[in-house]
Amino acid sequence: MEKFISIPVTSQPNQLISATNVVLVASGLGSANSSGTAVTTTITYAGGKVVTLTHAAQVAFSMRTAIQTAINDALTTSWTNVTYPVIVPQAVSAVTVA
């Protein structure tokens, strides 16, 4: 059964991101933006697809931990619970898929 995490995104509806076949969740610095340096968290899948979350600065990889925990929690819920809400520690401004 496919599972998804639901992430709130600034000025957009929540985005559904697959919690299935994730092989890596990583944090890092992104490119400079008008408010300084963007921070990103990437979710890499077994097929090579990568979802990048751009968000406000974080402390001690708290966004990566929140995403990893949400994915784990989503996968351990009943098969009838397809989406799992994520409470993000920083505002997410963009979600991109590559």
PDB file of N, CA and C in Angstrom:
ATOM      1  N   MET A   1       0.840  -1.179   0.000  1.00  0.00           N
ATOM      2  CA  MET A   1       0.000   0.000   0.000  1.00  0.00           C
ATOM      3  C   MET A   1       0.884   1.241   0.000  1.00  0.00           C
ATOM      4  N   GLU A   2       0.620   2.118  -0.910  1.00  0.00           N
ATOM      5  CA  GLU A   2       1.350   3.388  -0.998  1.00  0.00           C
ATOM      6  C   GLU A   2       0.955   4.274   0.181  1.00  0.00           C
ATOM      7  N   LYS A   3       1.941   4.913   0.781  1.00  0.00           N
ATOM      8  CA  LYS A   3       1.726   5.843   1.897  1.00  0.00           C
ATOM      9  C   LYS A   3       2.323   7.191   1.524  1.00  0.00           C
ATOM     10  N   PHE A   4       1.737   8.258   2.071  1.00  0.00           N
ATOM     11  CA  PHE A   4       2.201   9.615   1.800  1.00  0.00           C
ATOM     12  C   PHE A   4       2.290  10.407   3.084  1.00  0.00           C
ATOM     13  N   ILE A   5       3.247  11.342   3.133  1.00  0.00           N
ATOM     14  CA  ILE A   5       3.272  12.323   4.208  1.00  0.00           C
ATOM     15  C   ILE A   5       2.714  13.615   3.621  1.00  0.00           C
ATOM     16  N   SER A   6       1.993  14.349   4.435  1.00  0.00           N
ATOM     17  CA  SER A   6       1.369  15.597   4.010  1.00  0.00           C
ATOM     18  C   SER A   6       2.116  16.751   4.667  1.00  0.00           C
ATOM     19  N   ILE A   7       2.769  17.577   3.827  1.00  0.00           N
ATOM     20  CA  ILE A   7       3.620  18.658   4.335  1.00  0.00           C
ATOM     21  C   ILE A   7       3.001  20.011   4.010  1.00  0.00           C
ATOM     22  N   PRO A   8       2.823  20.873   5.020  1.00  0.00           N
ATOM     23  CA  PRO A   8       2.317  22.218   4.742  1.00  0.00           C
ATOM     24  C   PRO A   8       3.390  23.054   4.036  1.00  0.00           C
ATOM     25  N   VAL A   9       2.973  23.783   3.000  1.00  0.00           N
ATOM     26  CA  VAL A   9       3.883  24.630   2.235  1.00  0.00           C
ATOM     27  C   VAL A   9       3.327  26.047   2.246  1.00  0.00           C
ATOM     28  N   THR A  10       4.186  27.026   2.516  1.00  0.00           N
ATOM     29  CA  THR A  10       3.773  28.422   2.601  1.00  0.00           C
ATOM     30  C   THR A  10       3.036  28.851   1.343  1.00  0.00           C
ATOM     31  N   SER A  11       1.875  29.471   1.508  1.00  0.00           N
ATOM     32  CA  SER A  11       1.047  30.024   0.429  1.00  0.00           C
ATOM     33  C   SER A  11       0.583  28.977  -0.584  1.00  0.00           C
ATOM     34  N   GLN A  12       0.566  27.723  -0.196  1.00  0.00           N
ATOM     35  CA  GLN A  12       0.093  26.641  -1.056  1.00  0.00           C
ATOM     36  C   GLN A  12      -0.659  25.631  -0.199  1.00  0.00           C
ATOM     37  N   PRO A  13      -1.446  24.788  -0.847  1.00  0.00           N
ATOM     38  CA  PRO A  13      -2.054  23.694  -0.067  1.00  0.00           C
ATOM     39  C   PRO A  13      -0.971  22.696   0.351  1.00  0.00           C
ATOM     40  N   ASN A  14      -1.315  21.839   1.297  1.00  0.00           N
ATOM     41  CA  ASN A  14      -0.361  20.807   1.708  1.00  0.00           C
ATOM     42  C   ASN A  14       0.055  19.977   0.498  1.00  0.00           C
ATOM     43  N   GLN A  15       1.316  19.553   0.488  1.00  0.00           N
ATOM     44  CA  GLN A  15       1.844  18.720  -0.585  1.00  0.00           C
ATOM     45  C   GLN A  15       1.956  17.285  -0.085  1.00  0.00           C
ATOM     46  N   LEU A  16       1.532  16.339  -0.919  1.00  0.00           N
ATOM     47  CA  LEU A  16       1.669  14.927  -0.581  1.00  0.00           C
ATOM     48  C   LEU A  16       2.971  14.401  -1.161  1.00  0.00           C
ATOM     49  N   ILE A  17       3.767  13.768  -0.324  1.00  0.00           N
ATOM     50  CA  ILE A  17       5.057  13.234  -0.734  1.00  0.00           C
ATOM     51  C   ILE A  17       5.085  11.760  -0.347  1.00  0.00           C
ATOM     52  N   SER A  18       5.498  10.927  -1.276  1.00  0.00           N
ATOM     53  CA  SER A  18       5.510   9.490  -1.034  1.00  0.00           C
ATOM     54  C   SER A  18       6.437   9.128   0.130  1.00  0.00           C
ATOM     55  N   ALA A  19       5.948   8.224   0.968  1.00  0.00           N
ATOM     56  CA  ALA A  19       6.749   7.705   2.074  1.00  0.00           C
ATOM     57  C   ALA A  19       7.260   6.301   1.757  1.00  0.00           C
ATOM     58  N   THR A  20       6.989   5.840   0.545  1.00  0.00           N
ATOM     59  CA  THR A  20       7.342   4.489   0.128  1.00  0.00           C
ATOM     60  C   THR A  20       8.616   4.487  -0.711  1.00  0.00           C
ATOM     61  N   ASN A  21       9.482   3.523  -0.494  1.00  0.00           N
ATOM     62  CA  ASN A  21      10.734   3.341  -1.236  1.00  0.00           C
ATOM     63  C   ASN A  21      11.767   4.441  -1.001  1.00  0.00           C
ATOM     64  N   VAL A  22      11.723   5.084   0.151  1.00  0.00           N
ATOM     65  CA  VAL A  22      12.711   6.117   0.496  1.00  0.00           C
ATOM     66  C   VAL A  22      14.006   5.422   0.895  1.00  0.00           C
ATOM     67  N   VAL A  23      15.122   5.893   0.329  1.00  0.00           N
ATOM     68  CA  VAL A  23      16.419   5.319   0.692  1.00  0.00           C
ATOM     69  C   VAL A  23      17.282   6.291   1.485  1.00  0.00           C
ATOM     70  N   LEU A  24      16.977   7.609   1.409  1.00  0.00           N
ATOM     71  CA  LEU A  24      17.802   8.590   2.111  1.00  0.00           C
ATOM     72  C   LEU A  24      17.032   9.880   2.325  1.00  0.00           C
ATOM     73  N   VAL A  25      17.161  10.437   3.536  1.00  0.00           N
ATOM     74  CA  VAL A  25      16.689  11.789   3.829  1.00  0.00           C
ATOM     75  C   VAL A  25      17.914  12.550   4.293  1.00  0.00           C
ATOM     76  N   ALA A  26      18.232  13.669   3.618  1.00  0.00           N
ATOM     77  CA  ALA A  26      19.455  14.413   3.926  1.00  0.00           C
ATOM     78  C   ALA A  26      19.176  15.911   3.987  1.00  0.00           C
ATOM     79  N   SER A  27      19.983  16.632   4.765  1.00  0.00           N
ATOM     80  CA  SER A  27      19.880  18.085   4.887  1.00  0.00           C
ATOM     81  C   SER A  27      21.119  18.737   4.315  1.00  0.00           C
ATOM     82  N   GLY A  28      20.946  19.972   3.834  1.00  0.00           N
ATOM     83  CA  GLY A  28      22.092  20.698   3.311  1.00  0.00           C
ATOM     84  C   GLY A  28      21.740  22.129   2.986  1.00  0.00           C
ATOM     85  N   LEU A  29      22.756  22.886   2.597  1.00  0.00           N
ATOM     86  CA  LEU A  29      22.550  24.271   2.195  1.00  0.00           C
ATOM     87  C   LEU A  29      22.144  24.327   0.748  1.00  0.00           C
ATOM     88  N   GLY A  30      21.227  25.218   0.444  1.00  0.00           N
ATOM     89  CA  GLY A  30      20.812  25.436  -0.934  1.00  0.00           C
ATOM     90  C   GLY A  30      21.470  26.680  -1.479  1.00  0.00           C
ATOM     91  N   SER A  31      20.823  27.309  -2.448  1.00  0.00           N
ATOM     92  CA  SER A  31      21.365  28.518  -3.053  1.00  0.00           C
ATOM     93  C   SER A  31      20.938  29.744  -2.261  1.00  0.00           C
ATOM     94  N   ALA A  32      21.609  30.847  -2.492  1.00  0.00           N
ATOM     95  CA  ALA A  32      21.270  32.098  -1.813  1.00  0.00           C
ATOM     96  C   ALA A  32      19.941  32.614  -2.344  1.00  0.00           C
ATOM     97  N   ASN A  33      19.145  33.186  -1.446  1.00  0.00           N
ATOM     98  CA  ASN A  33      17.900  33.814  -1.852  1.00  0.00           C
ATOM     99  C   ASN A  33      17.823  35.203  -1.235  1.00  0.00           C
ATOM    100  N   SER A  34      16.700  35.894  -1.386  1.00  0.00           N
ATOM    101  CA  SER A  34      16.589  37.277  -0.917  1.00  0.00           C
ATOM    102  C   SER A  34      16.727  37.407   0.595  1.00  0.00           C
ATOM    103  N   SER A  35      16.438  36.355   1.335  1.00  0.00           N
ATOM    104  CA  SER A  35      16.533  36.432   2.790  1.00  0.00           C
ATOM    105  C   SER A  35      17.778  35.723   3.328  1.00  0.00           C
ATOM    106  N   GLY A  36      18.734  35.448   2.476  1.00  0.00           N
ATOM    107  CA  GLY A  36      19.953  34.782   2.917  1.00  0.00           C
ATOM    108  C   GLY A  36      20.133  33.467   2.201  1.00  0.00           C
ATOM    109  N   THR A  37      20.593  32.477   2.921  1.00  0.00           N
ATOM    110  CA  THR A  37      20.833  31.165   2.324  1.00  0.00           C
ATOM    111  C   THR A  37      19.634  30.259   2.545  1.00  0.00           C
ATOM    112  N   ALA A  38      19.163  29.662   1.475  1.00  0.00           N
ATOM    113  CA  ALA A  38      18.073  28.698   1.588  1.00  0.00           C
ATOM    114  C   ALA A  38      18.633  27.394   2.119  1.00  0.00           C
ATOM    115  N   VAL A  39      17.849  26.706   2.886  1.00  0.00           N
ATOM    116  CA  VAL A  39      18.246  25.418   3.422  1.00  0.00           C
ATOM    117  C   VAL A  39      17.339  24.375   2.787  1.00  0.00           C
ATOM    118  N   THR A  40      17.903  23.230   2.446  1.00  0.00           N
ATOM    119  CA  THR A  40      17.109  22.193   1.792  1.00  0.00           C
ATOM    120  C   THR A  40      17.188  20.875   2.552  1.00  0.00           C
ATOM    121  N   THR A  41      16.137  20.105   2.397  1.00  0.00           N
ATOM    122  CA  THR A  41      16.113  18.725   2.847  1.00  0.00           C
ATOM    123  C   THR A  41      15.692  17.909   1.641  1.00  0.00           C
ATOM    124  N   THR A  42      16.458  16.867   1.332  1.00  0.00           N
ATOM    125  CA  THR A  42      16.146  16.048   0.160  1.00  0.00           C
ATOM    126  C   THR A  42      15.693  14.662   0.594  1.00  0.00           C
ATOM    127  N   ILE A  43      14.740  14.136  -0.172  1.00  0.00           N
ATOM    128  CA  ILE A  43      14.250  12.772   0.026  1.00  0.00           C
ATOM    129  C   ILE A  43      14.565  12.026  -1.262  1.00  0.00           C
ATOM    130  N   THR A  44      15.416  11.018  -1.173  1.00  0.00           N
ATOM    131  CA  THR A  44      15.836  10.247  -2.341  1.00  0.00           C
ATOM    132  C   THR A  44      15.153   8.883  -2.313  1.00  0.00           C
ATOM    133  N   TYR A  45      14.654   8.467  -3.493  1.00  0.00           N
ATOM    134  CA  TYR A  45      13.903   7.222  -3.618  1.00  0.00           C
ATOM    135  C   TYR A  45      14.727   6.163  -4.338  1.00  0.00           C
ATOM    136  N   ALA A  46      14.332   4.908  -4.173  1.00  0.00           N
ATOM    137  CA  ALA A  46      15.034   3.776  -4.773  1.00  0.00           C
ATOM    138  C   ALA A  46      15.171   3.922  -6.288  1.00  0.00           C
ATOM    139  N   GLY A  47      14.214   4.497  -6.962  1.00  0.00           N
ATOM    140  CA  GLY A  47      14.265   4.669  -8.416  1.00  0.00           C
ATOM    141  C   GLY A  47      15.111   5.836  -8.873  1.00  0.00           C
ATOM    142  N   GLY A  48      15.678   6.599  -7.933  1.00  0.00           N
ATOM    143  CA  GLY A  48      16.531   7.727  -8.282  1.00  0.00           C
ATOM    144  C   GLY A  48      15.849   9.086  -8.246  1.00  0.00           C
ATOM    145  N   LYS A  49      14.550   9.115  -8.087  1.00  0.00           N
ATOM    146  CA  LYS A  49      13.824  10.372  -8.005  1.00  0.00           C
ATOM    147  C   LYS A  49      14.188  11.072  -6.697  1.00  0.00           C
ATOM    148  N   VAL A  50      14.265  12.418  -6.730  1.00  0.00           N
ATOM    149  CA  VAL A  50      14.614  13.195  -5.544  1.00  0.00           C
ATOM    150  C   VAL A  50      13.586  14.305  -5.351  1.00  0.00           C
ATOM    151  N   VAL A  51      13.052  14.398  -4.136  1.00  0.00           N
ATOM    152  CA  VAL A  51      12.163  15.493  -3.754  1.00  0.00           C
ATOM    153  C   VAL A  51      12.982  16.431  -2.879  1.00  0.00           C
ATOM    154  N   THR A  52      12.976  17.729  -3.222  1.00  0.00           N
ATOM    155  CA  THR A  52      13.723  18.720  -2.456  1.00  0.00           C
ATOM    156  C   THR A  52      12.752  19.675  -1.785  1.00  0.00           C
ATOM    157  N   LEU A  53      12.889  19.807  -0.474  1.00  0.00           N
ATOM    158  CA  LEU A  53      12.104  20.764   0.302  1.00  0.00           C
ATOM    159  C   LEU A  53      13.006  21.958   0.597  1.00  0.00           C
ATOM    160  N   THR A  54      12.566  23.151   0.226  1.00  0.00           N
ATOM    161  CA  THR A  54      13.299  24.373   0.558  1.00  0.00           C
ATOM    162  C   THR A  54      12.585  25.004   1.737  1.00  0.00           C
ATOM    163  N   HIS A  55      13.363  25.371   2.770  1.00  0.00           N
ATOM    164  CA  HIS A  55      12.727  25.843   3.997  1.00  0.00           C
ATOM    165  C   HIS A  55      13.633  26.805   4.746  1.00  0.00           C
ATOM    166  N   ALA A  56      13.082  27.362   5.814  1.00  0.00           N
ATOM    167  CA  ALA A  56      13.817  28.281   6.670  1.00  0.00           C
ATOM    168  C   ALA A  56      14.974  27.543   7.344  1.00  0.00           C
ATOM    169  N   ALA A  57      15.919  28.307   7.856  1.00  0.00           N
ATOM    170  CA  ALA A  57      17.100  27.730   8.512  1.00  0.00           C
ATOM    171  C   ALA A  57      16.676  26.793   9.637  1.00  0.00           C
ATOM    172  N   GLN A  58      17.486  25.808   9.872  1.00  0.00           N
ATOM    173  CA  GLN A  58      17.175  24.805  10.880  1.00  0.00           C
ATOM    174  C   GLN A  58      18.283  24.695  11.902  1.00  0.00           C
ATOM    175  N   VAL A  59      17.967  24.085  13.009  1.00  0.00           N
ATOM    176  CA  VAL A  59      18.939  23.851  14.070  1.00  0.00           C
ATOM    177  C   VAL A  59      19.100  22.352  14.232  1.00  0.00           C
ATOM    178  N   ALA A  60      20.312  21.876  14.176  1.00  0.00           N
ATOM    179  CA  ALA A  60      20.653  20.468  14.437  1.00  0.00           C
ATOM    180  C   ALA A  60      19.823  19.485  13.606  1.00  0.00           C
ATOM    181  N   PHE A  61      19.657  19.804  12.334  1.00  0.00           N
ATOM    182  CA  PHE A  61      18.988  18.901  11.393  1.00  0.00           C
ATOM    183  C   PHE A  61      17.570  18.527  11.827  1.00  0.00           C
ATOM    184  N   SER A  62      16.864  19.478  12.440  1.00  0.00           N
ATOM    185  CA  SER A  62      15.520  19.182  12.947  1.00  0.00           C
ATOM    186  C   SER A  62      14.526  18.873  11.834  1.00  0.00           C
ATOM    187  N   MET A  63      14.663  19.480  10.655  1.00  0.00           N
ATOM    188  CA  MET A  63      13.749  19.186   9.554  1.00  0.00           C
ATOM    189  C   MET A  63      13.970  17.754   9.064  1.00  0.00           C
ATOM    190  N   ARG A  64      15.217  17.361   8.884  1.00  0.00           N
ATOM    191  CA  ARG A  64      15.520  15.993   8.447  1.00  0.00           C
ATOM    192  C   ARG A  64      14.934  14.987   9.433  1.00  0.00           C
ATOM    193  N   THR A  65      15.111  15.242  10.709  1.00  0.00           N
ATOM    194  CA  THR A  65      14.583  14.346  11.738  1.00  0.00           C
ATOM    195  C   THR A  65      13.060  14.297  11.691  1.00  0.00           C
ATOM    196  N   ALA A  66      12.415  15.437  11.511  1.00  0.00           N
ATOM    197  CA  ALA A  66      10.951  15.484  11.444  1.00  0.00           C
ATOM    198  C   ALA A  66      10.437  14.690  10.248  1.00  0.00           C
ATOM    199  N   ILE A  67      11.107  14.819   9.098  1.00  0.00           N
ATOM    200  CA  ILE A  67      10.690  14.093   7.896  1.00  0.00           C
ATOM    201  C   ILE A  67      10.913  12.592   8.079  1.00  0.00           C
ATOM    202  N   GLN A  68      12.073  12.198   8.587  1.00  0.00           N
ATOM    203  CA  GLN A  68      12.353  10.775   8.819  1.00  0.00           C
ATOM    204  C   GLN A  68      11.352  10.163   9.790  1.00  0.00           C
ATOM    205  N   THR A  69      11.042  10.876  10.851  1.00  0.00           N
ATOM    206  CA  THR A  69      10.085  10.386  11.837  1.00  0.00           C
ATOM    207  C   THR A  69       8.698  10.240  11.224  1.00  0.00           C
ATOM    208  N   ALA A  70       8.287  11.233  10.419  1.00  0.00           N
ATOM    209  CA  ALA A  70       6.972  11.188   9.776  1.00  0.00           C
ATOM    210  C   ALA A  70       6.876  10.017   8.800  1.00  0.00           C
ATOM    211  N   ILE A  71       7.946   9.772   8.039  1.00  0.00           N
ATOM    212  CA  ILE A  71       7.951   8.648   7.101  1.00  0.00           C
ATOM    213  C   ILE A  71       7.816   7.338   7.875  1.00  0.00           C
ATOM    214  N   ASN A  72       8.587   7.195   8.926  1.00  0.00           N
ATOM    215  CA  ASN A  72       8.508   5.991   9.755  1.00  0.00           C
ATOM    216  C   ASN A  72       7.113   5.825  10.337  1.00  0.00           C
ATOM    217  N   ASP A  73       6.552   6.892  10.884  1.00  0.00           N
ATOM    218  CA  ASP A  73       5.225   6.821  11.487  1.00  0.00           C
ATOM    219  C   ASP A  73       4.158   6.499  10.444  1.00  0.00           C
ATOM    220  N   ALA A  74       4.278   7.091   9.257  1.00  0.00           N
ATOM    221  CA  ALA A  74       3.312   6.830   8.190  1.00  0.00           C
ATOM    222  C   ALA A  74       3.320   5.352   7.804  1.00  0.00           C
ATOM    223  N   LEU A  75       4.518   4.787   7.699  1.00  0.00           N
ATOM    224  CA  LEU A  75       4.632   3.393   7.269  1.00  0.00           C
ATOM    225  C   LEU A  75       4.162   2.397   8.326  1.00  0.00           C
ATOM    226  N   THR A  76       4.090   2.834   9.586  1.00  0.00           N
ATOM    227  CA  THR A  76       3.655   1.929  10.647  1.00  0.00           C
ATOM    228  C   THR A  76       2.167   2.048  10.964  1.00  0.00           C
ATOM    229  N   THR A  77       1.454   2.954  10.281  1.00  0.00           N
ATOM    230  CA  THR A  77       0.020   3.085  10.511  1.00  0.00           C
ATOM    231  C   THR A  77      -0.736   1.997   9.736  1.00  0.00           C
ATOM    232  N   SER A  78      -1.997   1.859  10.056  1.00  0.00           N
ATOM    233  CA  SER A  78      -2.859   0.905   9.372  1.00  0.00           C
ATOM    234  C   SER A  78      -2.874   1.170   7.871  1.00  0.00           C
ATOM    235  N   TRP A  79      -3.098   0.142   7.078  1.00  0.00           N
ATOM    236  CA  TRP A  79      -3.106   0.283   5.620  1.00  0.00           C
ATOM    237  C   TRP A  79      -4.206   1.227   5.152  1.00  0.00           C
ATOM    238  N   THR A  80      -5.225   1.443   5.991  1.00  0.00           N
ATOM    239  CA  THR A  80      -6.313   2.344   5.602  1.00  0.00           C
ATOM    240  C   THR A  80      -5.950   3.818   5.795  1.00  0.00           C
ATOM    241  N   ASN A  81      -4.862   4.097   6.497  1.00  0.00           N
ATOM    242  CA  ASN A  81      -4.390   5.471   6.691  1.00  0.00           C
ATOM    243  C   ASN A  81      -3.333   5.771   5.632  1.00  0.00           C
ATOM    244  N   VAL A  82      -3.764   6.360   4.536  1.00  0.00           N
ATOM    245  CA  VAL A  82      -2.873   6.564   3.394  1.00  0.00           C
ATOM    246  C   VAL A  82      -1.985   7.789   3.575  1.00  0.00           C
ATOM    247  N   THR A  83      -2.496   8.835   4.223  1.00  0.00           N
ATOM    248  CA  THR A  83      -1.688  10.043   4.428  1.00  0.00           C
ATOM    249  C   THR A  83      -1.411  10.247   5.909  1.00  0.00           C
ATOM    250  N   TYR A  84      -0.259  10.839   6.168  1.00  0.00           N
ATOM    251  CA  TYR A  84       0.164  11.115   7.531  1.00  0.00           C
ATOM    252  C   TYR A  84       0.624  12.568   7.597  1.00  0.00           C
ATOM    253  N   PRO A  85       0.015  13.382   8.471  1.00  0.00           N
ATOM    254  CA  PRO A  85       0.401  14.800   8.539  1.00  0.00           C
ATOM    255  C   PRO A  85       1.758  14.989   9.206  1.00  0.00           C
ATOM    256  N   VAL A  86       2.534  15.935   8.691  1.00  0.00           N
ATOM    257  CA  VAL A  86       3.845  16.251   9.251  1.00  0.00           C
ATOM    258  C   VAL A  86       3.761  17.611   9.920  1.00  0.00           C
ATOM    259  N   ILE A  87       4.247  17.694  11.141  1.00  0.00           N
ATOM    260  CA  ILE A  87       4.385  18.994  11.800  1.00  0.00           C
ATOM    261  C   ILE A  87       5.843  19.395  11.602  1.00  0.00           C
ATOM    262  N   VAL A  88       6.042  20.375  10.713  1.00  0.00           N
ATOM    263  CA  VAL A  88       7.409  20.760  10.359  1.00  0.00           C
ATOM    264  C   VAL A  88       7.936  21.827  11.325  1.00  0.00           C
ATOM    265  N   PRO A  89       9.215  21.725  11.703  1.00  0.00           N
ATOM    266  CA  PRO A  89       9.796  22.695  12.634  1.00  0.00           C
ATOM    267  C   PRO A  89      10.121  24.042  11.978  1.00  0.00           C
ATOM    268  N   GLN A  90      10.188  24.089  10.648  1.00  0.00           N
ATOM    269  CA  GLN A  90      10.444  25.318   9.910  1.00  0.00           C
ATOM    270  C   GLN A  90       9.447  25.425   8.772  1.00  0.00           C
ATOM    271  N   ALA A  91       9.189  26.647   8.327  1.00  0.00           N
ATOM    272  CA  ALA A  91       8.262  26.851   7.213  1.00  0.00           C
ATOM    273  C   ALA A  91       8.891  26.315   5.925  1.00  0.00           C
ATOM    274  N   VAL A  92       8.122  25.523   5.185  1.00  0.00           N
ATOM    275  CA  VAL A  92       8.571  25.014   3.889  1.00  0.00           C
ATOM    276  C   VAL A  92       8.067  25.990   2.829  1.00  0.00           C
ATOM    277  N   SER A  93       8.980  26.496   2.005  1.00  0.00           N
ATOM    278  CA  SER A  93       8.594  27.489   0.988  1.00  0.00           C
ATOM    279  C   SER A  93       8.425  26.878  -0.395  1.00  0.00           C
ATOM    280  N   ALA A  94       9.034  25.727  -0.658  1.00  0.00           N
ATOM    281  CA  ALA A  94       8.917  25.111  -1.983  1.00  0.00           C
ATOM    282  C   ALA A  94       9.197  23.619  -1.897  1.00  0.00           C
ATOM    283  N   VAL A  95       8.528  22.872  -2.815  1.00  0.00           N
ATOM    284  CA  VAL A  95       8.763  21.439  -2.965  1.00  0.00           C
ATOM    285  C   VAL A  95       9.006  21.204  -4.444  1.00  0.00           C
ATOM    286  N   THR A  96      10.158  20.600  -4.778  1.00  0.00           N
ATOM    287  CA  THR A  96      10.456  20.292  -6.176  1.00  0.00           C
ATOM    288  C   THR A  96      10.797  18.812  -6.326  1.00  0.00           C
ATOM    289  N   VAL A  97      10.534  18.285  -7.523  1.00  0.00           N
ATOM    290  CA  VAL A  97      10.815  16.876  -7.805  1.00  0.00           C
ATOM    291  C   VAL A  97      11.747  16.802  -9.004  1.00  0.00           C
ATOM    292  N   ALA A  98      12.795  16.015  -8.878  1.00  0.00           N
ATOM    293  CA  ALA A  98      13.744  15.839  -9.991  1.00  0.00           C
ATOM    294  C   ALA A  98      13.989  14.368 -10.219  1.00  0.00           C
TER     295      ALA A  98
END
